[in-house]
Every structure is written in C-alpha cells, then in structure tokens.
Amino acid sequence: MDSNQTHFAFLEASREAELVAEAQMGDHASFLELARHYQRPLYRLLYAMTRREEGALTLTEEALAHAWAEIREFPSGRRFFPWLLRIARSLPPAPRPLVPDWNRADPLLAAIDALRTDDRMTLALRVVERFRYEEIAALLDIPVGVAILRIAQARGQILAATSGLTVHQP
C-alpha cells in the first residue's frame, strides 16, 4: 500500500451526512450503516491501544452504543469517524486480565501503557496504522503540530522508560 493512502476510506461526505441526519431522526438502519463502515478501523485502533482482543471488542461496542445514544448531539458539518474516536477516547480503559501480567515482564509494553490515552492513540495511528501527521490531525480533530508533539513526547517517554534495556543477541 502506498504510504500516502489511508488504511480505510471515509464514507463519501454527502452520503455520510445523509446517514447521520437520518440517524439523528431515529433511523437505526442508517446508524448501523455508519457503524458497519467504521467499526473495523475503530476496533483496529482500540486493539493497538489495549493489545487485547476482548478489551478492544468491548470498547468498540461501547463507543458505538454511546455514539447511537448521543447521535442527536453530533456536530453539524463534521465527519463521523473523528467524533467516534473522541467518544472512544473518553471511555474508561478495558479491564486488564488478572494473569498473566505481561507488562511486568516487558518494560516496553509497560512504558506504552503508562502513556496518556490521547498520546497512546496518536502514537498508534502513526506507528500501527501508519497514518501521516495530517491524517492523524484530521482523525483526532487536532492541529498537525499537536499530533507531531504528542507523537514526539510519547516516543520520548518510551525511550526514557526503556533506555536502561539491553538487547540480547541469540
């Protein structure tokens, strides 16, 4: 895939606006079309953040349920997916499994978990999904400079937390 392409396509803007308007009037089928289109990229991002299939699935379902409950509050003239991401970012994190606690054994994962949710999401969009800074800014509805700063700070925190690690050669 060309690095200048996004990994998923937004719905065509007029179709998305039409579906949102219908959903705001209570049309569940229109909302389901939006949900079907965006659930996979939302799940992938939440999985990258949680590294747990069940947790990502739960958060995806919760974000979509919140979106349906709040669809009447959807801001006019905006894109649906950034709004959905904002809802997902506001959800409490998925519960951690009791055992095994891999993060204790892996300082890199522990450092990633220690990041603020917004920083972890921004970093996941860049590293996992390979979005360009401009795309990340659009998805998160933030200025490009803020996206760049969040990624740089997240990388710096991870580097600082793992700088004492040594690489073992087999």
N, C-alpha and C. Protein backbone atom coordinates (compact mmCIF):
# COMPACT_ATOMS: atom_id res chain seq x y z
N MET A 1 0.84 -1.18 0.00
CA MET A 1 0.00 0.00 0.00
C MET A 1 0.88 1.23 0.00
N ASP A 2 0.51 2.23 -0.77
CA ASP A 2 1.22 3.50 -0.83
C ASP A 2 1.13 4.18 0.52
N SER A 3 2.26 4.68 1.02
CA SER A 3 2.26 5.29 2.34
C SER A 3 1.46 6.59 2.38
N ASN A 4 1.09 7.12 1.22
CA ASN A 4 0.29 8.34 1.17
C ASN A 4 -1.20 8.06 1.22
N GLN A 5 -1.60 6.81 1.27
CA GLN A 5 -3.01 6.45 1.32
C GLN A 5 -3.39 6.09 2.75
N THR A 6 -4.64 6.39 3.10
CA THR A 6 -5.12 5.97 4.40
C THR A 6 -5.47 4.49 4.33
N HIS A 7 -5.56 3.86 5.48
CA HIS A 7 -5.84 2.43 5.55
C HIS A 7 -7.32 2.13 5.46
N PHE A 8 -8.14 3.13 5.55
CA PHE A 8 -9.57 2.94 5.36
C PHE A 8 -10.08 4.19 4.67
N ALA A 9 -11.19 4.06 4.07
CA ALA A 9 -11.77 5.20 3.36
C ALA A 9 -12.94 5.76 4.15
N PHE A 10 -12.97 7.07 4.26
CA PHE A 10 -14.16 7.70 4.81
C PHE A 10 -15.30 7.44 3.85
N LEU A 11 -16.50 7.36 4.39
CA LEU A 11 -17.66 7.36 3.51
C LEU A 11 -17.65 8.66 2.72
N GLU A 12 -18.23 8.64 1.56
CA GLU A 12 -18.35 9.87 0.77
C GLU A 12 -19.10 10.88 1.65
N ALA A 13 -18.61 12.11 1.69
CA ALA A 13 -19.09 13.11 2.65
C ALA A 13 -20.60 13.33 2.60
N SER A 14 -21.16 13.43 1.40
CA SER A 14 -22.60 13.69 1.33
C SER A 14 -23.40 12.47 1.80
N ARG A 15 -22.91 11.26 1.49
CA ARG A 15 -23.59 10.04 1.97
C ARG A 15 -23.50 9.95 3.49
N GLU A 16 -22.33 10.24 4.03
CA GLU A 16 -22.17 10.21 5.48
C GLU A 16 -23.10 11.22 6.15
N ALA A 17 -23.17 12.43 5.61
CA ALA A 17 -24.05 13.46 6.18
C ALA A 17 -25.50 13.02 6.11
N GLU A 18 -25.87 12.37 5.03
CA GLU A 18 -27.24 11.88 4.87
C GLU A 18 -27.55 10.81 5.93
N LEU A 19 -26.62 9.88 6.12
CA LEU A 19 -26.82 8.83 7.11
C LEU A 19 -26.90 9.40 8.53
N VAL A 20 -26.04 10.37 8.83
CA VAL A 20 -26.06 11.00 10.15
C VAL A 20 -27.40 11.69 10.37
N ALA A 21 -27.85 12.45 9.38
CA ALA A 21 -29.13 13.16 9.51
C ALA A 21 -30.28 12.19 9.74
N GLU A 22 -30.28 11.07 9.01
CA GLU A 22 -31.34 10.07 9.19
C GLU A 22 -31.24 9.42 10.57
N ALA A 23 -29.99 9.14 11.00
CA ALA A 23 -29.80 8.55 12.33
C ALA A 23 -30.26 9.51 13.42
N GLN A 24 -30.02 10.81 13.22
CA GLN A 24 -30.45 11.80 14.19
C GLN A 24 -31.97 11.88 14.31
N MET A 25 -32.65 11.44 13.26
CA MET A 25 -34.12 11.40 13.31
C MET A 25 -34.62 10.04 13.81
N GLY A 26 -33.69 9.19 14.28
CA GLY A 26 -34.08 7.92 14.87
C GLY A 26 -33.97 6.71 13.97
N ASP A 27 -33.44 6.87 12.76
CA ASP A 27 -33.32 5.75 11.82
C ASP A 27 -32.13 4.88 12.20
N HIS A 28 -32.43 3.78 12.85
CA HIS A 28 -31.39 2.88 13.33
C HIS A 28 -30.62 2.23 12.18
N ALA A 29 -31.28 1.94 11.08
CA ALA A 29 -30.61 1.32 9.93
C ALA A 29 -29.53 2.24 9.37
N SER A 30 -29.77 3.53 9.35
CA SER A 30 -28.76 4.48 8.87
C SER A 30 -27.56 4.49 9.81
N PHE A 31 -27.83 4.47 11.11
CA PHE A 31 -26.72 4.42 12.06
C PHE A 31 -25.93 3.13 11.89
N LEU A 32 -26.62 2.02 11.69
CA LEU A 32 -25.92 0.74 11.51
C LEU A 32 -25.02 0.75 10.28
N GLU A 33 -25.43 1.45 9.24
CA GLU A 33 -24.56 1.57 8.06
C GLU A 33 -23.28 2.33 8.40
N LEU A 34 -23.43 3.40 9.16
CA LEU A 34 -22.25 4.13 9.63
C LEU A 34 -21.36 3.23 10.50
N ALA A 35 -22.00 2.52 11.42
CA ALA A 35 -21.27 1.66 12.34
C ALA A 35 -20.53 0.56 11.59
N ARG A 36 -21.20 -0.07 10.63
CA ARG A 36 -20.55 -1.13 9.85
C ARG A 36 -19.33 -0.60 9.10
N HIS A 37 -19.43 0.60 8.59
CA HIS A 37 -18.32 1.16 7.82
C HIS A 37 -17.11 1.47 8.70
N TYR A 38 -17.35 1.97 9.91
CA TYR A 38 -16.25 2.45 10.75
C TYR A 38 -15.87 1.52 11.89
N GLN A 39 -16.60 0.42 12.09
CA GLN A 39 -16.28 -0.42 13.25
C GLN A 39 -14.93 -1.10 13.12
N ARG A 40 -14.55 -1.52 11.93
CA ARG A 40 -13.26 -2.22 11.78
C ARG A 40 -12.07 -1.30 12.05
N PRO A 41 -12.01 -0.09 11.45
CA PRO A 41 -10.88 0.77 11.80
C PRO A 41 -10.88 1.19 13.27
N LEU A 42 -12.06 1.36 13.85
CA LEU A 42 -12.13 1.68 15.27
C LEU A 42 -11.59 0.52 16.10
N TYR A 43 -12.01 -0.69 15.78
CA TYR A 43 -11.54 -1.87 16.50
C TYR A 43 -10.01 -2.00 16.38
N ARG A 44 -9.48 -1.84 15.17
CA ARG A 44 -8.02 -1.97 14.97
C ARG A 44 -7.27 -0.99 15.85
N LEU A 45 -7.75 0.22 15.91
CA LEU A 45 -7.08 1.22 16.72
C LEU A 45 -7.19 0.89 18.21
N LEU A 46 -8.36 0.49 18.65
CA LEU A 46 -8.53 0.13 20.06
C LEU A 46 -7.73 -1.13 20.42
N TYR A 47 -7.61 -2.04 19.47
CA TYR A 47 -6.77 -3.21 19.71
C TYR A 47 -5.31 -2.81 19.85
N ALA A 48 -4.86 -1.90 19.01
CA ALA A 48 -3.47 -1.42 19.11
C ALA A 48 -3.23 -0.76 20.46
N MET A 49 -4.25 -0.12 20.99
CA MET A 49 -4.10 0.56 22.27
C MET A 49 -4.18 -0.39 23.46
N THR A 50 -5.03 -1.41 23.36
CA THR A 50 -5.24 -2.30 24.51
C THR A 50 -4.44 -3.60 24.40
N ARG A 51 -4.12 -4.00 23.19
CA ARG A 51 -3.46 -5.28 22.89
C ARG A 51 -4.25 -6.47 23.43
N ARG A 52 -5.55 -6.29 23.52
CA ARG A 52 -6.44 -7.35 24.00
C ARG A 52 -7.66 -7.40 23.09
N GLU A 53 -7.88 -8.57 22.50
CA GLU A 53 -8.99 -8.72 21.57
C GLU A 53 -10.32 -8.41 22.27
N GLU A 54 -10.53 -9.01 23.41
CA GLU A 54 -11.80 -8.83 24.13
C GLU A 54 -11.98 -7.38 24.57
N GLY A 55 -10.91 -6.78 25.08
CA GLY A 55 -10.99 -5.38 25.51
C GLY A 55 -11.30 -4.45 24.36
N ALA A 56 -10.65 -4.67 23.22
CA ALA A 56 -10.89 -3.83 22.05
C ALA A 56 -12.32 -4.01 21.54
N LEU A 57 -12.80 -5.24 21.56
CA LEU A 57 -14.17 -5.51 21.12
C LEU A 57 -15.17 -4.83 22.04
N THR A 58 -14.94 -4.92 23.34
CA THR A 58 -15.83 -4.29 24.32
C THR A 58 -15.84 -2.77 24.13
N LEU A 59 -14.66 -2.18 23.98
CA LEU A 59 -14.58 -0.73 23.80
C LEU A 59 -15.22 -0.30 22.48
N THR A 60 -15.07 -1.09 21.43
CA THR A 60 -15.70 -0.77 20.15
C THR A 60 -17.21 -0.76 20.31
N GLU A 61 -17.74 -1.80 20.94
CA GLU A 61 -19.18 -1.89 21.17
C GLU A 61 -19.67 -0.73 22.03
N GLU A 62 -18.93 -0.40 23.08
CA GLU A 62 -19.33 0.70 23.96
C GLU A 62 -19.29 2.04 23.22
N ALA A 63 -18.26 2.26 22.42
CA ALA A 63 -18.16 3.51 21.67
C ALA A 63 -19.33 3.65 20.70
N LEU A 64 -19.67 2.56 20.01
CA LEU A 64 -20.79 2.62 19.08
C LEU A 64 -22.13 2.81 19.81
N ALA A 65 -22.28 2.18 20.96
CA ALA A 65 -23.50 2.36 21.75
C ALA A 65 -23.62 3.81 22.23
N HIS A 66 -22.51 4.39 22.69
CA HIS A 66 -22.52 5.79 23.10
C HIS A 66 -22.83 6.70 21.91
N ALA A 67 -22.25 6.37 20.76
CA ALA A 67 -22.49 7.19 19.56
C ALA A 67 -23.97 7.17 19.21
N TRP A 68 -24.59 6.00 19.27
CA TRP A 68 -26.02 5.92 18.97
C TRP A 68 -26.82 6.75 19.98
N ALA A 69 -26.46 6.63 21.26
CA ALA A 69 -27.18 7.37 22.30
C ALA A 69 -27.00 8.88 22.16
N GLU A 70 -25.87 9.30 21.59
CA GLU A 70 -25.56 10.73 21.51
C GLU A 70 -25.65 11.28 20.09
N ILE A 71 -26.18 10.51 19.13
CA ILE A 71 -26.17 10.92 17.73
C ILE A 71 -26.89 12.25 17.52
N ARG A 72 -27.87 12.55 18.32
CA ARG A 72 -28.58 13.83 18.16
C ARG A 72 -27.67 15.01 18.49
N GLU A 73 -26.60 14.75 19.26
CA GLU A 73 -25.65 15.81 19.64
C GLU A 73 -24.49 15.92 18.65
N PHE A 74 -24.51 15.11 17.61
CA PHE A 74 -23.43 15.13 16.62
C PHE A 74 -23.33 16.52 16.01
N PRO A 75 -22.12 17.11 16.01
CA PRO A 75 -21.98 18.47 15.49
C PRO A 75 -22.14 18.54 13.97
N SER A 76 -22.96 19.44 13.53
CA SER A 76 -23.23 19.61 12.11
C SER A 76 -21.95 19.98 11.35
N GLY A 77 -21.81 19.41 10.17
CA GLY A 77 -20.68 19.73 9.31
C GLY A 77 -19.39 19.01 9.64
N ARG A 78 -19.42 18.08 10.58
CA ARG A 78 -18.22 17.34 10.98
C ARG A 78 -18.24 15.95 10.38
N ARG A 79 -17.08 15.29 10.39
CA ARG A 79 -17.00 13.91 9.95
C ARG A 79 -17.33 13.00 11.12
N PHE A 80 -17.90 11.84 10.82
CA PHE A 80 -18.37 10.92 11.85
C PHE A 80 -17.22 10.21 12.58
N PHE A 81 -16.21 9.73 11.83
CA PHE A 81 -15.17 8.92 12.46
C PHE A 81 -14.36 9.69 13.51
N PRO A 82 -13.93 10.94 13.27
CA PRO A 82 -13.24 11.66 14.35
C PRO A 82 -14.11 11.83 15.59
N TRP A 83 -15.40 12.04 15.39
CA TRP A 83 -16.33 12.15 16.52
C TRP A 83 -16.39 10.83 17.27
N LEU A 84 -16.45 9.72 16.53
CA LEU A 84 -16.48 8.39 17.13
C LEU A 84 -15.19 8.12 17.91
N LEU A 85 -14.05 8.52 17.36
CA LEU A 85 -12.78 8.36 18.07
C LEU A 85 -12.77 9.16 19.37
N ARG A 86 -13.35 10.35 19.35
CA ARG A 86 -13.41 11.16 20.56
C ARG A 86 -14.23 10.44 21.63
N ILE A 87 -15.31 9.81 21.21
CA ILE A 87 -16.12 9.04 22.16
C ILE A 87 -15.30 7.88 22.72
N ALA A 88 -14.60 7.16 21.85
CA ALA A 88 -13.78 6.02 22.28
C ALA A 88 -12.69 6.45 23.25
N ARG A 89 -12.08 7.62 23.00
CA ARG A 89 -11.02 8.10 23.89
C ARG A 89 -11.55 8.44 25.26
N SER A 90 -12.83 8.78 25.36
CA SER A 90 -13.39 9.18 26.64
C SER A 90 -13.85 7.99 27.49
N LEU A 91 -13.87 6.80 26.90
CA LEU A 91 -14.31 5.62 27.64
C LEU A 91 -13.23 5.18 28.61
N PRO A 92 -13.64 4.61 29.75
CA PRO A 92 -12.62 4.06 30.65
C PRO A 92 -11.93 2.88 29.97
N PRO A 93 -10.64 2.70 30.24
CA PRO A 93 -9.92 1.60 29.58
C PRO A 93 -10.51 0.24 29.93
N ALA A 94 -10.32 -0.69 29.02
CA ALA A 94 -10.79 -2.06 29.25
C ALA A 94 -10.05 -2.64 30.45
N PRO A 95 -10.75 -3.46 31.25
CA PRO A 95 -10.08 -4.06 32.41
C PRO A 95 -8.93 -4.96 31.97
N ARG A 96 -7.90 -4.95 32.77
CA ARG A 96 -6.72 -5.76 32.50
C ARG A 96 -6.99 -7.21 32.92
N PRO A 97 -6.45 -8.17 32.17
CA PRO A 97 -6.59 -9.55 32.62
C PRO A 97 -5.79 -9.77 33.90
N LEU A 98 -6.29 -10.66 34.75
CA LEU A 98 -5.61 -10.89 36.02
C LEU A 98 -4.27 -11.58 35.83
N VAL A 99 -4.20 -12.57 34.98
CA VAL A 99 -2.94 -13.26 34.70
C VAL A 99 -2.92 -13.65 33.24
N PRO A 100 -1.81 -13.70 32.61
CA PRO A 100 -0.53 -13.22 33.12
C PRO A 100 -0.41 -11.72 32.93
N ASP A 101 0.39 -11.09 33.75
CA ASP A 101 0.65 -9.66 33.62
C ASP A 101 1.94 -9.49 32.83
N TRP A 102 1.78 -9.44 31.52
CA TRP A 102 2.94 -9.37 30.62
C TRP A 102 3.71 -8.07 30.80
N ASN A 103 3.03 -7.03 31.20
CA ASN A 103 3.69 -5.73 31.29
C ASN A 103 4.80 -5.71 32.33
N ARG A 104 4.68 -6.52 33.37
CA ARG A 104 5.75 -6.59 34.36
C ARG A 104 7.00 -7.19 33.75
N ALA A 105 6.81 -8.11 32.81
CA ALA A 105 7.96 -8.77 32.18
C ALA A 105 8.48 -7.99 30.99
N ASP A 106 7.71 -7.05 30.46
CA ASP A 106 8.10 -6.32 29.27
C ASP A 106 8.05 -4.82 29.52
N PRO A 107 9.20 -4.21 29.81
CA PRO A 107 9.23 -2.78 30.10
C PRO A 107 8.72 -1.91 28.95
N LEU A 108 8.87 -2.36 27.72
CA LEU A 108 8.36 -1.58 26.59
C LEU A 108 6.84 -1.49 26.65
N LEU A 109 6.18 -2.61 26.88
CA LEU A 109 4.72 -2.59 26.99
C LEU A 109 4.27 -1.78 28.20
N ALA A 110 5.01 -1.87 29.28
CA ALA A 110 4.68 -1.09 30.47
C ALA A 110 4.81 0.41 30.16
N ALA A 111 5.84 0.77 29.41
CA ALA A 111 6.03 2.19 29.05
C ALA A 111 4.91 2.67 28.15
N ILE A 112 4.46 1.85 27.23
CA ILE A 112 3.35 2.22 26.36
C ILE A 112 2.07 2.38 27.18
N ASP A 113 1.83 1.45 28.11
CA ASP A 113 0.65 1.53 28.96
C ASP A 113 0.67 2.77 29.85
N ALA A 114 1.85 3.27 30.17
CA ALA A 114 1.97 4.44 31.05
C ALA A 114 1.64 5.75 30.32
N LEU A 115 1.56 5.71 29.00
CA LEU A 115 1.24 6.91 28.23
C LEU A 115 -0.20 7.35 28.49
N ARG A 116 -0.43 8.66 28.35
CA ARG A 116 -1.80 9.16 28.40
C ARG A 116 -2.57 8.55 27.24
N THR A 117 -3.88 8.38 27.40
CA THR A 117 -4.71 7.77 26.36
C THR A 117 -4.57 8.49 25.03
N ASP A 118 -4.63 9.83 25.04
CA ASP A 118 -4.52 10.58 23.79
C ASP A 118 -3.17 10.37 23.13
N ASP A 119 -2.10 10.31 23.92
CA ASP A 119 -0.77 10.09 23.36
C ASP A 119 -0.64 8.68 22.78
N ARG A 120 -1.20 7.71 23.49
CA ARG A 120 -1.15 6.32 23.01
C ARG A 120 -1.94 6.17 21.71
N MET A 121 -3.10 6.83 21.63
CA MET A 121 -3.91 6.75 20.42
C MET A 121 -3.19 7.43 19.24
N THR A 122 -2.61 8.59 19.49
CA THR A 122 -1.89 9.29 18.44
C THR A 122 -0.71 8.46 17.95
N LEU A 123 0.03 7.89 18.88
CA LEU A 123 1.17 7.05 18.52
C LEU A 123 0.71 5.80 17.75
N ALA A 124 -0.39 5.19 18.17
CA ALA A 124 -0.91 4.01 17.47
C ALA A 124 -1.32 4.36 16.04
N LEU A 125 -1.92 5.50 15.85
CA LEU A 125 -2.29 5.90 14.49
C LEU A 125 -1.06 6.05 13.61
N ARG A 126 0.03 6.54 14.18
CA ARG A 126 1.27 6.75 13.41
C ARG A 126 2.03 5.44 13.20
N VAL A 127 2.25 4.70 14.26
CA VAL A 127 3.13 3.53 14.20
C VAL A 127 2.40 2.28 13.70
N VAL A 128 1.21 2.04 14.20
CA VAL A 128 0.48 0.83 13.84
C VAL A 128 -0.26 1.01 12.52
N GLU A 129 -1.02 2.07 12.43
CA GLU A 129 -1.83 2.30 11.23
C GLU A 129 -1.07 3.04 10.13
N ARG A 130 0.07 3.63 10.46
CA ARG A 130 0.95 4.33 9.50
C ARG A 130 0.29 5.52 8.81
N PHE A 131 -0.53 6.24 9.56
CA PHE A 131 -1.13 7.44 9.03
C PHE A 131 -0.11 8.57 9.03
N ARG A 132 -0.25 9.49 8.08
CA ARG A 132 0.58 10.69 8.05
C ARG A 132 0.10 11.64 9.14
N TYR A 133 0.95 12.57 9.51
CA TYR A 133 0.60 13.51 10.58
C TYR A 133 -0.68 14.28 10.25
N GLU A 134 -0.83 14.69 9.00
CA GLU A 134 -2.02 15.44 8.60
C GLU A 134 -3.28 14.59 8.76
N GLU A 135 -3.17 13.31 8.45
CA GLU A 135 -4.32 12.41 8.59
C GLU A 135 -4.66 12.20 10.06
N ILE A 136 -3.63 12.05 10.89
CA ILE A 136 -3.84 11.88 12.32
C ILE A 136 -4.54 13.11 12.90
N ALA A 137 -4.06 14.28 12.50
CA ALA A 137 -4.67 15.51 12.97
C ALA A 137 -6.14 15.58 12.57
N ALA A 138 -6.45 15.20 11.35
CA ALA A 138 -7.84 15.22 10.89
C ALA A 138 -8.69 14.21 11.66
N LEU A 139 -8.15 13.01 11.87
CA LEU A 139 -8.91 11.98 12.59
C LEU A 139 -9.18 12.35 14.03
N LEU A 140 -8.21 13.00 14.66
CA LEU A 140 -8.37 13.36 16.07
C LEU A 140 -8.90 14.78 16.26
N ASP A 141 -9.10 15.47 15.14
CA ASP A 141 -9.61 16.84 15.17
C ASP A 141 -8.73 17.74 16.03
N ILE A 142 -7.41 17.67 15.75
CA ILE A 142 -6.43 18.48 16.45
C ILE A 142 -5.51 19.11 15.40
N PRO A 143 -4.79 20.18 15.76
CA PRO A 143 -3.83 20.75 14.82
C PRO A 143 -2.68 19.76 14.53
N VAL A 144 -2.10 19.86 13.35
CA VAL A 144 -0.99 18.97 12.96
C VAL A 144 0.15 19.07 13.96
N GLY A 145 0.46 20.27 14.40
CA GLY A 145 1.54 20.46 15.37
C GLY A 145 1.31 19.71 16.67
N VAL A 146 0.07 19.64 17.10
CA VAL A 146 -0.27 18.90 18.33
C VAL A 146 -0.06 17.41 18.10
N ALA A 147 -0.44 16.91 16.93
CA ALA A 147 -0.23 15.49 16.61
C ALA A 147 1.26 15.17 16.62
N ILE A 148 2.06 16.01 15.99
CA ILE A 148 3.52 15.80 15.96
C ILE A 148 4.08 15.84 17.38
N LEU A 149 3.65 16.81 18.16
CA LEU A 149 4.13 16.94 19.54
C LEU A 149 3.77 15.72 20.38
N ARG A 150 2.52 15.26 20.28
CA ARG A 150 2.10 14.08 21.05
C ARG A 150 2.95 12.86 20.71
N ILE A 151 3.21 12.66 19.42
CA ILE A 151 3.99 11.50 19.00
C ILE A 151 5.42 11.62 19.50
N ALA A 152 6.01 12.81 19.37
CA ALA A 152 7.38 13.01 19.84
C ALA A 152 7.48 12.80 21.35
N GLN A 153 6.53 13.33 22.09
CA GLN A 153 6.56 13.17 23.54
C GLN A 153 6.36 11.70 23.93
N ALA A 154 5.46 11.02 23.25
CA ALA A 154 5.22 9.60 23.56
C ALA A 154 6.49 8.79 23.29
N ARG A 155 7.10 9.04 22.15
CA ARG A 155 8.35 8.32 21.83
C ARG A 155 9.43 8.64 22.86
N GLY A 156 9.50 9.90 23.28
CA GLY A 156 10.48 10.29 24.29
C GLY A 156 10.24 9.61 25.62
N GLN A 157 8.98 9.52 26.03
CA GLN A 157 8.65 8.84 27.29
C GLN A 157 9.01 7.35 27.21
N ILE A 158 8.71 6.75 26.09
CA ILE A 158 9.02 5.32 25.92
C ILE A 158 10.53 5.12 25.94
N LEU A 159 11.26 5.97 25.24
CA LEU A 159 12.72 5.87 25.21
C LEU A 159 13.30 6.05 26.60
N ALA A 160 12.80 7.04 27.34
CA ALA A 160 13.30 7.28 28.69
C ALA A 160 13.01 6.10 29.61
N ALA A 161 11.84 5.51 29.46
CA ALA A 161 11.46 4.39 30.33
C ALA A 161 12.20 3.11 30.00
N THR A 162 12.67 3.00 28.77
CA THR A 162 13.32 1.75 28.35
C THR A 162 14.80 1.92 28.06
N SER A 163 15.38 3.08 28.36
CA SER A 163 16.77 3.35 28.00
C SER A 163 17.76 2.45 28.72
N GLY A 164 17.38 1.90 29.82
CA GLY A 164 18.28 1.01 30.54
C GLY A 164 18.24 -0.42 30.02
N LEU A 165 17.41 -0.68 29.02
CA LEU A 165 17.29 -2.04 28.49
C LEU A 165 18.50 -2.40 27.64
N THR A 166 18.85 -3.64 27.68
CA THR A 166 19.90 -4.13 26.80
C THR A 166 19.30 -5.13 25.85
N VAL A 167 19.85 -5.16 24.66
CA VAL A 167 19.37 -6.09 23.64
C VAL A 167 20.20 -7.36 23.74
N HIS A 168 19.52 -8.49 23.86
CA HIS A 168 20.20 -9.77 23.96
C HIS A 168 20.23 -10.43 22.59
N GLN A 169 21.41 -10.80 22.16
CA GLN A 169 21.55 -11.48 20.88
C GLN A 169 21.40 -12.98 21.13
N PRO A 170 20.72 -13.67 20.24
CA PRO A 170 20.53 -15.13 20.42
C PRO A 170 21.84 -15.89 20.25
